[in-house]
Amino acid sequence: MIEVNTRIHDRYSVEFKMGFVADSQPEESNFKVGMWIFVPSSLDITPASFTHAEFSRSVKSNIRLITPQFRLCDIVGGEAVPLNNVSNAADADHEYQMKLFCAIVKSSMRAQRMQVLEASGNERKALCEAFVADVRAILAAVDGMRTSEIGLRHKECHEYCGEFLLNAVAQNCVAIYAEGKDPYVAGLLREVDGRREACGYPKISADDDNAAFLHRRGVLKKYVESLLYLRVPKKRDGVVVEQAYYSLAAGLAMIFATLVAWAFQRHFGNLTWPLFIALIISYMLKDRIKELMRFWFAHRLGDRYYDNKAKISIHDTEIGELKEAVDFIPKNKIPAEVDALRGSSHLFSAENHFTDENVLLYRKKVKLDRARMEAVSTYRFSGVNDIIRLQVRPFLRKMDDPEQTFYLLDGQDELQAVPCSKEYHVNIVLQYRYGDVTEYKRFRLKLDRDGIKGLEEI
């Protein structure tokens, strides 16, 4: 199955997080994703102004393992698989297990936080108490690991992981407390501040720009979660087939030139003016035929092959393959389902009578090997997350001013200046396929020259 979550990452980028969850039965799971981006033609996003290279610069893609799922109360309680994996890890595997333990805690806290925020009344109070109790038990277990004989080479790892966990606890506590001001959560927040001070970790200060804190927080996040990000070195797809087709195009063009030369030589003889002129014309046409055949073959290749391909690996073990491509497509090549979804829910009914847009198609194919995924770790990884960040800066270059002024008469018959926001809408339709199942989602991205103003699912 494929799970899709979309959010605004910052003022100039939107994030699409696609979870490819491998089936437990077949040896291989195959996923396909198509993203149609409908851009108003007034923004001048065309093949001439927006090349493949610029699209590649505008898109950042990361592949990471889906964090193993555990209930917060089962991380150090119950069977305590994550805690036992750290405690029983061999010396060479200890840092890996500790990082994964922290990543699991962070994911489980986020899931528990969502449950708390969706609940109300007594249920919410009980969930808050359970959240605080489970987090305190985890922090106590981490304290116990740090004071045990873990070896000098792992003390630094435990310091980094301990600070990472305090940052994650504080982030989730603030999100919960902002919605309900629970006293248990407030007590845990104060405890986190005390732990930071006792350990000498930096914390947020109202009298500082906190740049050092943010930098350190980002470095710790990369340190802990780096083991979940997969190595995906990309290279061009279909290079050998492409060159074979291009060689065939050159051969066909040469056959044409040779036949013309042979026919005119038979008719006019050797070293005659008609033969001389015919040879020049034939070679001129030969080059044109070669280029036209290359163009035709290139478009034929585009339907079957992708721009880039990459092997997905964990610890040098290949667990799957990824392919991706992007191109502008004409309106008549848009599937009927996608076109119908784009044409629905216009903001203004007059938009139904014209669609002046250029269309980009980004496609991706992912293949995962279930057995190899299970063989590389003591945990069961259900699949991978493909996180795509689309930068919208190229779309903003030719926009009008974000605010325009209009006038109306006030009560004293005086003209009153009224500012009006100038927005542009980029529509995105996602198609994702797994097995026999095909699903669609449509989003409207609101932009002005200052960046992203909103994102809504239609």
Foldseek 3Di string as FASTA:
>chain_A
DKDWDKDAPDQFKIKIKIFDFDDPPDQKWKKKKKKKWWFFCLLVPDCVQCPPVNQVVQKDKFKFFDQDEDALQCCCDDVNVLLVCLVPPDLVCNLVSLLSSLVRNLVNLVVLLVVLLVDDDPVNLVSLVVSLVSLVVVLVSLVVVLPDCSDPVCNVSSVLSNVLNLVSLLVSLVVNCVRPVHVSSVVVNVVSVVVCVVSVHDDDDPVDPCPVVVVSNVVSCCSSRVLRIWDWDKDFKPPVVLVVQLVVQLVVLVVQLVVQLVVCCVVPNPPDPVSVVSNVVSVVVSVVSSVVSSVVVVVVVPVPAAGMKTFTDRPNHTFWIKGKHKDWDDPVPDDPVQVVVVLPDDPDVVCNVDRNTTMMMMMMMIMGRLVSQPPPDPGRGRGMMMMMMGGCLSSLPSFDAQKDWDWDQDPVRDTDIDIDGDKTWIKMKMWMDIDPDIDIWIKIWIAYNSGTDDIDTD
